[in-house]
N, C-alpha and C. Protein backbone atom coordinates (compact mmCIF):
# COMPACT_ATOMS: atom_id res chain seq x y z
N MET A 1 4.64 74.40 45.88
CA MET A 1 4.74 73.29 46.09
C MET A 1 5.30 72.40 44.67
N ASN A 2 6.45 71.55 44.82
CA ASN A 2 6.54 71.18 43.43
C ASN A 2 5.93 69.87 43.36
N ARG A 3 4.73 69.52 42.84
CA ARG A 3 5.06 67.27 43.14
C ARG A 3 4.75 66.78 42.33
N THR A 4 6.50 66.50 42.15
CA THR A 4 7.41 65.49 40.69
C THR A 4 7.92 64.27 41.48
N ALA A 5 8.04 63.21 40.75
CA ALA A 5 9.37 62.35 41.36
C ALA A 5 9.49 61.90 40.36
N GLU A 6 10.93 61.08 40.25
CA GLU A 6 11.42 60.72 39.57
C GLU A 6 12.00 58.72 40.46
N ILE A 7 11.64 58.60 39.93
CA ILE A 7 11.69 56.46 40.21
C ILE A 7 12.39 55.83 39.76
N THR A 8 13.63 54.78 39.74
CA THR A 8 13.79 54.00 38.61
C THR A 8 13.96 52.59 39.93
N ARG A 9 13.35 51.98 39.27
CA ARG A 9 13.22 50.10 39.84
C ARG A 9 14.68 49.89 38.43
N SER A 10 15.03 48.58 39.52
CA SER A 10 16.17 47.45 38.39
C SER A 10 15.45 46.34 39.19
N THR A 11 15.10 44.97 38.67
CA THR A 11 15.59 43.67 38.66
C THR A 11 16.23 42.92 38.33
N ASN A 12 16.31 41.58 38.33
CA ASN A 12 16.94 40.74 37.15
C ASN A 12 15.53 40.48 35.43
N GLU A 13 13.82 41.01 36.12
CA GLU A 13 13.55 40.85 35.02
C GLU A 13 13.07 42.49 34.40
N THR A 14 13.10 43.22 35.22
CA THR A 14 13.15 44.70 34.30
C THR A 14 14.36 45.79 34.30
N HIS A 15 13.91 46.80 34.06
CA HIS A 15 14.77 47.85 34.96
C HIS A 15 13.69 49.21 34.51
N ILE A 16 13.40 50.06 34.95
CA ILE A 16 12.07 50.44 35.27
C ILE A 16 12.63 52.06 35.26
N ARG A 17 12.10 52.95 34.77
CA ARG A 17 12.12 54.48 35.20
C ARG A 17 10.89 54.81 35.09
N VAL A 18 9.77 55.92 35.73
CA VAL A 18 8.80 56.29 35.62
C VAL A 18 9.12 58.83 36.71
N ALA A 19 8.85 58.91 35.60
CA ALA A 19 9.07 60.12 35.79
C ALA A 19 7.46 61.00 35.82
N ILE A 20 7.45 61.92 36.42
CA ILE A 20 5.87 62.16 37.28
C ILE A 20 6.14 64.32 37.27
N ASN A 21 4.41 63.82 37.52
CA ASN A 21 4.15 65.72 37.80
C ASN A 21 3.22 65.51 37.74
N LEU A 22 2.07 65.78 39.10
CA LEU A 22 0.78 65.95 39.36
C LEU A 22 -0.03 66.66 38.38
N ASP A 23 1.21 67.71 38.65
CA ASP A 23 0.29 68.92 38.49
C ASP A 23 -0.07 69.71 37.34
N GLY A 24 0.16 68.72 36.03
CA GLY A 24 0.85 69.02 34.69
C GLY A 24 0.15 69.16 33.65
N THR A 25 -0.24 68.87 32.24
CA THR A 25 -0.69 69.19 31.48
C THR A 25 -1.43 68.05 30.49
N GLY A 26 -1.31 66.71 31.21
CA GLY A 26 -1.14 65.37 30.24
C GLY A 26 0.25 65.11 29.40
N LEU A 27 1.22 65.93 29.17
CA LEU A 27 2.49 65.52 28.53
C LEU A 27 2.66 63.60 29.05
N GLN A 28 3.04 63.77 27.91
CA GLN A 28 3.81 61.68 28.11
C GLN A 28 3.95 61.57 27.56
N LYS A 29 5.71 60.86 27.78
CA LYS A 29 6.75 60.39 26.49
C LYS A 29 6.95 59.00 27.05
N LEU A 30 5.65 57.52 26.69
CA LEU A 30 5.99 56.13 27.09
C LEU A 30 6.55 55.75 26.49
N ASN A 31 7.43 54.66 26.40
CA ASN A 31 8.04 53.42 25.84
C ASN A 31 8.81 52.38 26.71
N THR A 32 7.85 51.79 26.32
CA THR A 32 7.64 50.11 28.11
C THR A 32 7.44 48.91 27.19
N GLY A 33 7.37 49.36 25.17
CA GLY A 33 8.16 47.71 24.61
C GLY A 33 6.92 47.23 24.18
N VAL A 34 5.41 47.53 25.13
CA VAL A 34 4.39 47.07 24.99
C VAL A 34 3.35 48.23 25.19
N PRO A 35 3.40 48.27 23.63
CA PRO A 35 2.31 49.24 23.31
C PRO A 35 0.99 49.03 23.08
N PHE A 36 0.48 47.71 23.84
CA PHE A 36 -1.35 48.31 24.34
C PHE A 36 -1.35 48.48 25.46
N LEU A 37 -0.08 48.85 25.87
CA LEU A 37 0.61 49.50 27.40
C LEU A 37 0.69 51.17 26.86
N ASP A 38 1.44 51.32 26.89
CA ASP A 38 1.75 52.70 26.04
C ASP A 38 0.54 53.10 25.95
N HIS A 39 -0.61 52.88 24.99
CA HIS A 39 -1.48 53.73 24.52
C HIS A 39 -2.48 53.61 25.63
N MET A 40 -3.00 52.84 27.20
CA MET A 40 -3.75 52.73 28.61
C MET A 40 -2.81 54.14 29.13
N LEU A 41 -1.80 54.48 29.27
CA LEU A 41 -0.56 54.88 30.11
C LEU A 41 -0.69 56.63 29.45
N ASP A 42 -1.55 56.29 28.03
CA ASP A 42 -1.40 57.70 26.70
C ASP A 42 -2.33 59.00 28.50
N GLN A 43 -3.56 57.68 27.83
CA GLN A 43 -5.00 57.49 28.95
C GLN A 43 -4.96 58.70 30.87
N ILE A 44 -3.23 57.95 31.19
CA ILE A 44 -3.93 58.25 31.74
C ILE A 44 -3.13 59.13 32.63
N ALA A 45 -1.95 60.15 32.08
CA ALA A 45 -1.39 60.90 31.41
C ALA A 45 -3.17 62.45 30.96
N ARG A 46 -2.86 62.26 29.94
CA ARG A 46 -3.75 62.43 29.70
C ARG A 46 -5.42 63.50 30.14
N HIS A 47 -6.04 61.82 30.40
CA HIS A 47 -7.23 61.83 31.93
C HIS A 47 -7.34 62.60 32.88
N GLY A 48 -5.87 62.64 33.08
CA GLY A 48 -5.28 62.35 34.24
C GLY A 48 -5.14 64.50 34.56
N LEU A 49 -4.46 65.02 33.97
CA LEU A 49 -3.49 66.14 33.95
C LEU A 49 -2.41 65.06 34.29
N ILE A 50 -1.72 64.60 34.12
CA ILE A 50 -0.52 64.56 34.42
C ILE A 50 0.24 64.15 33.49
N ASP A 51 2.17 64.60 33.81
CA ASP A 51 2.81 64.36 33.26
C ASP A 51 3.56 62.85 33.62
N LEU A 52 3.58 62.05 32.58
CA LEU A 52 4.34 60.46 32.39
C LEU A 52 5.66 61.13 31.95
N ASP A 53 7.08 60.03 31.91
CA ASP A 53 8.15 60.06 31.47
C ASP A 53 7.96 58.65 31.51
N ILE A 54 7.97 57.88 30.80
CA ILE A 54 8.39 56.13 31.68
C ILE A 54 8.42 56.00 30.62
N GLU A 55 9.89 54.35 31.04
CA GLU A 55 10.55 54.30 30.12
C GLU A 55 11.05 52.26 30.49
N ALA A 56 11.06 51.68 30.12
CA ALA A 56 11.10 50.25 30.89
C ALA A 56 11.46 49.55 30.00
N ASN A 57 12.00 48.36 30.23
CA ASN A 57 12.99 47.58 29.24
C ASN A 57 12.51 46.12 29.92
N GLY A 58 11.99 45.65 29.40
CA GLY A 58 11.66 44.37 30.33
C GLY A 58 11.94 42.37 29.72
N ASP A 59 11.33 42.20 30.61
CA ASP A 59 12.04 40.38 30.07
C ASP A 59 10.60 41.09 28.66
N LEU A 60 10.42 41.07 27.43
CA LEU A 60 8.89 40.78 26.52
C LEU A 60 9.61 39.71 25.80
N HIS A 61 10.50 39.30 25.88
CA HIS A 61 10.99 37.88 24.61
C HIS A 61 10.09 36.17 25.96
N ILE A 62 10.02 36.85 27.55
CA ILE A 62 9.13 35.19 27.49
C ILE A 62 7.92 35.39 27.73
N ASP A 63 7.42 36.73 28.10
CA ASP A 63 6.07 37.97 28.04
C ASP A 63 5.82 38.34 28.62
N ALA A 64 4.98 39.41 28.00
CA ALA A 64 4.32 40.67 28.89
C ALA A 64 4.09 41.17 30.50
N HIS A 65 4.23 39.98 31.03
CA HIS A 65 4.67 39.99 32.66
C HIS A 65 4.53 40.82 33.41
N HIS A 66 5.99 40.64 32.90
CA HIS A 66 6.48 41.86 34.58
C HIS A 66 6.96 42.63 34.30
N THR A 67 6.95 43.07 32.99
CA THR A 67 6.76 44.24 32.55
C THR A 67 5.41 45.47 32.71
N VAL A 68 4.97 44.96 32.30
CA VAL A 68 3.36 45.54 33.08
C VAL A 68 3.02 44.98 34.36
N GLU A 69 3.62 44.76 34.75
CA GLU A 69 3.41 44.95 36.65
C GLU A 69 4.11 45.48 36.86
N ASP A 70 5.48 45.49 36.82
CA ASP A 70 6.12 46.28 37.57
C ASP A 70 6.22 48.44 37.17
N VAL A 71 5.54 48.16 35.90
CA VAL A 71 6.08 49.45 35.49
C VAL A 71 4.21 50.16 36.04
N GLY A 72 3.45 49.43 36.83
CA GLY A 72 2.80 49.85 38.02
C GLY A 72 3.41 49.36 39.12
N ILE A 73 4.32 49.16 39.07
CA ILE A 73 4.53 49.69 40.31
C ILE A 73 5.56 50.38 40.77
N THR A 74 6.41 50.77 39.84
CA THR A 74 7.71 51.74 39.65
C THR A 74 6.76 53.36 39.87
N LEU A 75 5.42 53.18 39.09
CA LEU A 75 4.18 54.72 38.79
C LEU A 75 4.00 54.83 40.35
N GLY A 76 3.26 53.14 41.14
CA GLY A 76 2.81 53.60 42.12
C GLY A 76 4.20 54.67 43.33
N MET A 77 5.23 53.57 43.67
CA MET A 77 6.24 54.15 44.16
C MET A 77 6.46 55.61 44.11
N ALA A 78 6.17 55.90 42.07
CA ALA A 78 6.60 57.82 42.29
C ALA A 78 5.23 57.82 42.56
N VAL A 79 4.14 58.24 42.48
CA VAL A 79 2.67 58.84 43.24
C VAL A 79 2.89 58.85 44.11
N ALA A 80 3.49 57.94 45.68
CA ALA A 80 3.66 57.53 46.54
C ALA A 80 4.81 59.67 47.09
N LYS A 81 5.40 59.23 45.82
CA LYS A 81 6.89 60.42 46.40
C LYS A 81 6.70 62.61 45.72
N ALA A 82 5.63 62.02 45.34
CA ALA A 82 5.27 62.83 44.42
C ALA A 82 4.53 63.30 45.87
N MET A 83 3.60 62.83 45.87
CA MET A 83 2.34 63.46 46.92
C MET A 83 3.62 64.14 47.92
N GLY A 84 3.93 62.80 48.74
CA GLY A 84 4.92 63.86 50.11
C GLY A 84 3.85 63.82 51.08
N ASP A 85 3.42 64.85 51.52
CA ASP A 85 2.90 64.55 52.87
C ASP A 85 1.66 64.21 53.12
N LYS A 86 0.93 64.49 51.65
CA LYS A 86 -0.67 64.94 51.25
C LYS A 86 -1.53 65.90 52.36
N LYS A 87 -0.93 66.93 52.37
CA LYS A 87 -2.11 68.26 53.03
C LYS A 87 -2.01 69.03 52.47
N GLY A 88 -3.76 69.43 52.53
CA GLY A 88 -4.16 69.67 51.34
C GLY A 88 -4.58 68.66 50.38
N ILE A 89 -5.16 68.12 50.47
CA ILE A 89 -5.47 67.31 49.25
C ILE A 89 -6.18 67.48 48.69
N ARG A 90 -7.40 66.43 48.32
CA ARG A 90 -8.58 66.07 47.85
C ARG A 90 -8.77 65.38 48.94
N ARG A 91 -7.95 64.03 49.35
CA ARG A 91 -7.93 62.43 49.41
C ARG A 91 -8.73 61.17 48.39
N TYR A 92 -10.00 61.29 48.39
CA TYR A 92 -11.21 61.32 47.59
C TYR A 92 -11.34 61.25 46.06
N GLY A 93 -11.29 60.80 44.71
CA GLY A 93 -11.14 61.01 44.19
C GLY A 93 -12.49 60.24 43.30
N HIS A 94 -12.76 60.02 41.96
CA HIS A 94 -14.51 59.14 41.49
C HIS A 94 -14.55 59.91 40.33
N ALA A 95 -14.85 58.22 39.75
CA ALA A 95 -15.23 58.64 37.92
C ALA A 95 -15.86 58.12 37.32
N TYR A 96 -16.71 58.00 36.60
CA TYR A 96 -17.34 57.18 35.60
C TYR A 96 -16.63 57.37 34.05
N VAL A 97 -16.40 57.13 32.98
CA VAL A 97 -16.11 57.15 31.92
C VAL A 97 -17.50 56.02 30.98
N PRO A 98 -17.32 56.40 29.36
CA PRO A 98 -18.27 55.88 28.77
C PRO A 98 -17.38 55.01 27.49
N LEU A 99 -17.16 55.10 26.71
CA LEU A 99 -17.10 54.36 25.70
C LEU A 99 -17.35 53.75 24.96
N ASP A 100 -18.14 54.51 23.64
CA ASP A 100 -19.86 54.37 22.73
C ASP A 100 -19.99 53.15 23.50
N GLU A 101 -21.03 51.13 24.46
CA GLU A 101 -21.51 50.56 24.71
C GLU A 101 -20.01 49.87 25.91
N ALA A 102 -19.71 50.80 26.49
CA ALA A 102 -18.63 50.12 27.90
C ALA A 102 -19.16 51.58 28.50
N LEU A 103 -18.80 50.79 29.55
CA LEU A 103 -18.05 52.00 30.94
C LEU A 103 -18.31 51.55 32.24
N SER A 104 -17.21 52.48 32.30
CA SER A 104 -16.12 51.99 34.08
C SER A 104 -16.17 52.62 34.87
N ARG A 105 -16.47 53.11 36.22
CA ARG A 105 -16.50 53.73 37.57
C ARG A 105 -15.29 53.34 38.05
N VAL A 106 -14.44 53.76 39.04
CA VAL A 106 -13.28 53.84 38.98
C VAL A 106 -13.62 55.17 40.05
N VAL A 107 -12.93 54.59 42.25
CA VAL A 107 -12.51 55.16 43.58
C VAL A 107 -11.51 55.55 43.57
N LEU A 108 -11.12 56.17 44.11
CA LEU A 108 -9.99 56.23 44.98
C LEU A 108 -9.66 57.05 46.02
N ASP A 109 -9.70 56.25 47.27
CA ASP A 109 -9.06 56.41 47.88
C ASP A 109 -7.90 56.73 47.78
N PHE A 110 -6.72 58.18 48.75
CA PHE A 110 -5.64 58.15 49.40
C PHE A 110 -5.08 58.34 50.59
N SER A 111 -5.76 56.49 51.20
CA SER A 111 -5.72 55.68 52.26
C SER A 111 -4.61 55.72 53.26
N GLY A 112 -3.50 56.25 52.18
CA GLY A 112 -2.35 55.47 52.96
C GLY A 112 -2.11 53.92 53.49
N ARG A 113 -3.14 53.12 52.95
CA ARG A 113 -3.00 51.23 53.38
C ARG A 113 -4.34 51.26 51.47
N PRO A 114 -2.45 50.28 51.42
CA PRO A 114 -2.96 49.22 49.78
C PRO A 114 -4.24 48.23 50.10
N GLY A 115 -5.76 48.47 48.69
CA GLY A 115 -6.12 47.40 48.53
C GLY A 115 -7.27 47.13 47.31
N LEU A 116 -7.83 46.68 46.45
CA LEU A 116 -7.68 46.95 45.41
C LEU A 116 -8.73 45.88 45.33
N GLU A 117 -10.03 46.47 45.11
CA GLU A 117 -11.37 45.85 44.17
C GLU A 117 -11.66 45.88 43.43
N TYR A 118 -11.07 44.86 42.56
CA TYR A 118 -11.18 44.62 40.33
C TYR A 118 -12.01 43.60 40.16
N HIS A 119 -13.73 44.69 39.45
CA HIS A 119 -14.67 44.12 38.92
C HIS A 119 -14.41 44.33 37.49
N VAL A 120 -13.95 43.45 36.05
CA VAL A 120 -13.82 43.70 34.24
C VAL A 120 -14.05 42.49 34.31
N PRO A 121 -15.12 42.42 34.24
CA PRO A 121 -15.35 41.16 32.49
C PRO A 121 -15.24 41.07 31.90
N PHE A 122 -14.20 40.84 31.58
CA PHE A 122 -13.28 41.70 30.19
C PHE A 122 -14.80 40.23 28.69
N SER A 123 -15.13 41.01 28.30
CA SER A 123 -15.70 39.45 27.25
C SER A 123 -14.51 39.16 26.39
N ARG A 124 -13.28 39.22 26.08
CA ARG A 124 -12.70 38.53 25.83
C ARG A 124 -11.26 38.55 27.10
N SER A 125 -9.69 37.07 26.16
CA SER A 125 -8.66 37.32 27.10
C SER A 125 -7.83 37.91 26.54
N MET A 126 -7.99 38.37 25.26
CA MET A 126 -7.19 39.20 24.89
C MET A 126 -7.12 40.58 23.78
N ILE A 127 -6.38 41.76 23.75
CA ILE A 127 -6.81 42.49 23.34
C ILE A 127 -5.60 42.88 22.03
N GLY A 128 -5.88 41.89 20.58
CA GLY A 128 -4.63 42.41 19.85
C GLY A 128 -3.18 41.68 20.82
N GLY A 129 -2.11 41.61 21.22
CA GLY A 129 -0.69 40.47 21.82
C GLY A 129 -1.28 40.92 23.23
N PHE A 130 -2.35 41.70 23.93
CA PHE A 130 -1.91 42.09 25.61
C PHE A 130 -3.33 41.77 26.20
N ASP A 131 -2.77 41.17 26.98
CA ASP A 131 -3.30 39.35 27.91
C ASP A 131 -4.14 40.31 29.02
N VAL A 132 -5.57 40.44 29.18
CA VAL A 132 -5.79 41.17 30.13
C VAL A 132 -6.48 41.31 30.77
N ASP A 133 -5.51 39.62 31.58
CA ASP A 133 -5.29 39.83 32.56
C ASP A 133 -4.38 40.33 33.37
N LEU A 134 -3.62 41.20 32.69
CA LEU A 134 -2.00 42.15 33.06
C LEU A 134 -2.90 43.80 33.18
N ALA A 135 -3.75 43.70 33.11
CA ALA A 135 -4.06 44.96 33.50
C ALA A 135 -4.33 45.08 34.96
N HIS A 136 -5.42 44.05 35.46
CA HIS A 136 -5.35 43.81 37.12
C HIS A 136 -3.53 43.53 37.07
N GLU A 137 -2.12 42.77 36.83
CA GLU A 137 -1.29 42.93 37.45
C GLU A 137 -0.84 44.78 37.70
N PHE A 138 -1.48 44.96 35.91
CA PHE A 138 -0.48 46.24 36.38
C PHE A 138 -1.33 47.32 38.24
N PHE A 139 -3.20 47.89 38.27
CA PHE A 139 -3.76 48.09 39.32
C PHE A 139 -3.06 47.89 40.73
N GLN A 140 -2.18 45.98 40.55
CA GLN A 140 -2.45 45.71 42.24
C GLN A 140 -0.83 45.91 42.32
N GLY A 141 -0.41 46.03 41.20
CA GLY A 141 1.70 46.46 41.48
C GLY A 141 1.35 47.69 41.83
N PHE A 142 0.66 49.32 40.81
CA PHE A 142 -0.10 50.71 42.54
C PHE A 142 -0.75 50.45 42.69
N VAL A 143 -1.43 50.02 43.66
CA VAL A 143 -1.83 49.67 44.49
C VAL A 143 -1.01 49.54 46.33
N ASN A 144 -0.27 48.61 45.68
CA ASN A 144 0.29 47.26 47.27
C ASN A 144 1.62 48.87 47.04
N HIS A 145 2.26 50.08 45.92
CA HIS A 145 3.05 50.43 46.39
C HIS A 145 3.15 51.74 46.60
N ALA A 146 1.62 52.45 46.04
CA ALA A 146 1.24 54.55 45.90
C ALA A 146 0.36 53.92 47.10
N LEU A 147 -0.51 53.39 48.04
CA LEU A 147 -0.83 52.66 49.52
C LEU A 147 -1.87 53.47 48.92
N VAL A 148 -2.72 53.43 48.27
CA VAL A 148 -4.42 53.88 47.68
C VAL A 148 -5.85 52.92 47.82
N SER A 149 -6.85 53.11 48.28
CA SER A 149 -8.06 51.73 48.09
C SER A 149 -8.45 52.58 46.78
N LEU A 150 -8.99 51.37 45.90
CA LEU A 150 -8.73 51.00 44.62
C LEU A 150 -10.10 50.53 44.06
N HIS A 151 -11.64 51.01 43.60
CA HIS A 151 -12.32 50.38 43.60
C HIS A 151 -11.81 50.27 41.99
N ILE A 152 -12.48 49.44 41.61
CA ILE A 152 -13.08 50.06 39.78
C ILE A 152 -13.70 48.73 38.77
N ASP A 153 -14.93 49.21 38.23
CA ASP A 153 -15.46 48.65 38.21
C ASP A 153 -16.05 48.29 36.32
N ASN A 154 -16.02 47.43 36.22
CA ASN A 154 -16.38 47.76 35.02
C ASN A 154 -17.93 47.19 34.65
N LEU A 155 -19.02 48.44 34.01
CA LEU A 155 -20.89 48.62 34.44
C LEU A 155 -20.75 47.78 33.56
N ARG A 156 -20.75 47.80 32.40
CA ARG A 156 -20.76 46.87 30.97
C ARG A 156 -19.49 46.46 29.85
N GLY A 157 -20.31 46.39 28.84
CA GLY A 157 -19.31 46.31 28.24
C GLY A 157 -19.11 45.48 26.96
N VAL A 158 -19.64 45.28 25.65
CA VAL A 158 -18.52 43.74 24.58
C VAL A 158 -17.55 43.77 24.57
N ASN A 159 -17.11 45.44 24.08
CA ASN A 159 -15.36 45.58 23.09
C ASN A 159 -14.36 45.40 24.29
N ALA A 160 -13.49 44.57 24.52
CA ALA A 160 -13.14 43.91 25.92
C ALA A 160 -11.92 45.77 25.09
N HIS A 161 -11.37 46.09 24.03
CA HIS A 161 -10.62 47.39 23.65
C HIS A 161 -11.33 48.44 25.21
N HIS A 162 -12.58 48.76 23.94
CA HIS A 162 -13.05 49.34 25.07
C HIS A 162 -13.28 50.03 26.40
N GLN A 163 -13.39 48.25 27.56
CA GLN A 163 -14.02 48.42 28.87
C GLN A 163 -12.44 48.73 29.14
N CYS A 164 -11.75 48.53 28.78
CA CYS A 164 -10.00 48.40 29.28
C CYS A 164 -10.15 49.73 28.60
N GLU A 165 -9.74 50.38 28.76
CA GLU A 165 -10.09 52.10 27.49
C GLU A 165 -10.72 52.89 28.79
N THR A 166 -11.77 52.60 28.75
CA THR A 166 -12.90 53.16 30.09
C THR A 166 -11.97 53.09 31.55
N VAL A 167 -11.76 51.59 31.90
CA VAL A 167 -11.04 51.55 32.96
C VAL A 167 -10.09 52.42 32.81
N PHE A 168 -9.27 52.66 32.67
CA PHE A 168 -7.85 53.43 32.60
C PHE A 168 -8.41 54.47 32.89
N LYS A 169 -8.96 55.53 31.67
CA LYS A 169 -9.70 56.74 31.60
C LYS A 169 -10.38 57.08 32.81
N ALA A 170 -11.30 56.07 33.56
CA ALA A 170 -11.08 56.26 34.87
C ALA A 170 -10.55 56.83 35.75
N PHE A 171 -9.44 55.74 35.87
CA PHE A 171 -9.21 56.06 36.90
C PHE A 171 -7.62 56.78 36.89
N GLY A 172 -7.20 57.65 35.49
CA GLY A 172 -6.66 59.51 35.43
C GLY A 172 -8.36 60.35 36.02
N ARG A 173 -9.03 60.00 36.15
CA ARG A 173 -10.00 61.41 36.31
C ARG A 173 -10.18 61.02 37.82
N ALA A 174 -9.81 60.02 38.03
CA ALA A 174 -9.89 60.23 39.29
C ALA A 174 -9.18 59.95 40.86
N LEU A 175 -7.77 59.39 40.22
CA LEU A 175 -6.67 60.39 40.41
C LEU A 175 -6.50 61.82 40.59
N ARG A 176 -6.14 62.01 39.40
CA ARG A 176 -6.48 63.53 39.19
C ARG A 176 -7.18 63.99 40.55
N MET A 177 -8.96 64.15 41.15
CA MET A 177 -9.69 63.59 41.49
C MET A 177 -9.37 64.34 43.24
N ALA A 178 -8.37 63.10 43.06
CA ALA A 178 -7.38 62.89 44.46
C ALA A 178 -6.50 63.29 45.17
N ALA A 179 -6.16 63.97 43.51
CA ALA A 179 -4.49 64.55 44.40
C ALA A 179 -4.91 65.70 44.59
N GLU A 180 -6.23 66.68 43.55
CA GLU A 180 -5.87 68.10 43.52
C GLU A 180 -5.96 68.69 44.33
N LEU A 181 -4.87 69.95 45.08
CA LEU A 181 -4.97 70.44 45.51
C LEU A 181 -6.27 70.87 46.22
N ASP A 182 -6.54 71.00 47.53
CA ASP A 182 -8.19 72.35 48.18
C ASP A 182 -7.69 73.45 48.67
N ALA A 183 -8.04 74.29 48.53
CA ALA A 183 -6.51 75.79 48.77
C ALA A 183 -7.90 75.72 50.62
N ARG A 184 -9.23 75.45 50.15
CA ARG A 184 -9.75 75.44 51.64
C ARG A 184 -8.93 74.29 53.10
N ALA A 185 -8.41 73.94 52.68
CA ALA A 185 -8.02 72.47 53.30
C ALA A 185 -6.82 72.89 52.72
N ALA A 186 -5.55 73.23 52.76
CA ALA A 186 -4.41 74.21 52.76
C ALA A 186 -3.47 74.08 53.80
N GLY A 187 -2.60 72.95 53.68
CA GLY A 187 -2.16 72.63 55.12
C GLY A 187 -1.77 71.59 56.09
N THR A 188 -3.81 71.61 55.63
CA THR A 188 -4.08 70.06 57.42
C THR A 188 -4.11 68.56 56.33
N ILE A 189 -4.07 68.11 56.59
CA ILE A 189 -4.36 66.51 56.62
C ILE A 189 -5.69 65.68 56.35
N PRO A 190 -6.16 65.50 55.27
CA PRO A 190 -7.46 65.11 55.15
C PRO A 190 -8.31 64.30 55.96
N SER A 191 -8.15 63.69 57.01
CA SER A 191 -8.06 62.79 57.47
C SER A 191 -8.65 62.98 59.39
N THR A 192 -9.26 61.77 60.49
CA THR A 192 -9.73 62.42 61.43
C THR A 192 -7.30 61.61 62.43
N LYS A 193 -7.74 60.63 62.24
CA LYS A 193 -5.94 60.34 62.21
C LYS A 193 -4.85 61.96 62.94
N GLY A 194 -4.84 62.38 61.04
CA GLY A 194 -3.67 62.93 61.17
C GLY A 194 -2.27 62.57 60.64
N SER A 195 -3.12 61.99 60.03
CA SER A 195 -1.98 61.28 59.32
C SER A 195 -2.69 60.37 58.12
N LEU A 196 -1.99 60.38 56.79
CA LEU A 196 -2.02 59.52 56.48
C LEU A 196 -1.03 57.33 55.36
């Protein structure tokens, strides 16, 4: 099964291309114009063993909001396309990830319905030049277009960089688990409805 996709999305605010291989090895080529976002996307690729190639050109002269949100949207679209009919997947994924004093938990369900529960009490509003509110916008865009239920909880942390990094690492691990093919469930949809 070839679980790859390439999506290009253009608006008056951004032009974004995402290529993804769900069964990759964590290879990444990232150029969003937002260095901290590239750092977080690298966490998804490496810890999710997902190959990511993302190129974004956005209205950064205004701020990073549209670029970060639209990368989340386009990544969600690419994941949905690469997942195909979802036959044989594990469907659910979860991960706890620590980084020094910080600890986050992410739980994901390829439910076919968008839903986000996001509870990240950042210790400060900026990480370098990155507005921490944009992490929520990224995940909301992803959820709306990947059609997943996603629960994100930062359980503790005092360093905002550590808090954010544990969230993205845990997301990568949860995504990897949920998207993984289960040999015992080959050809079946993991739902009593018969579809996801």
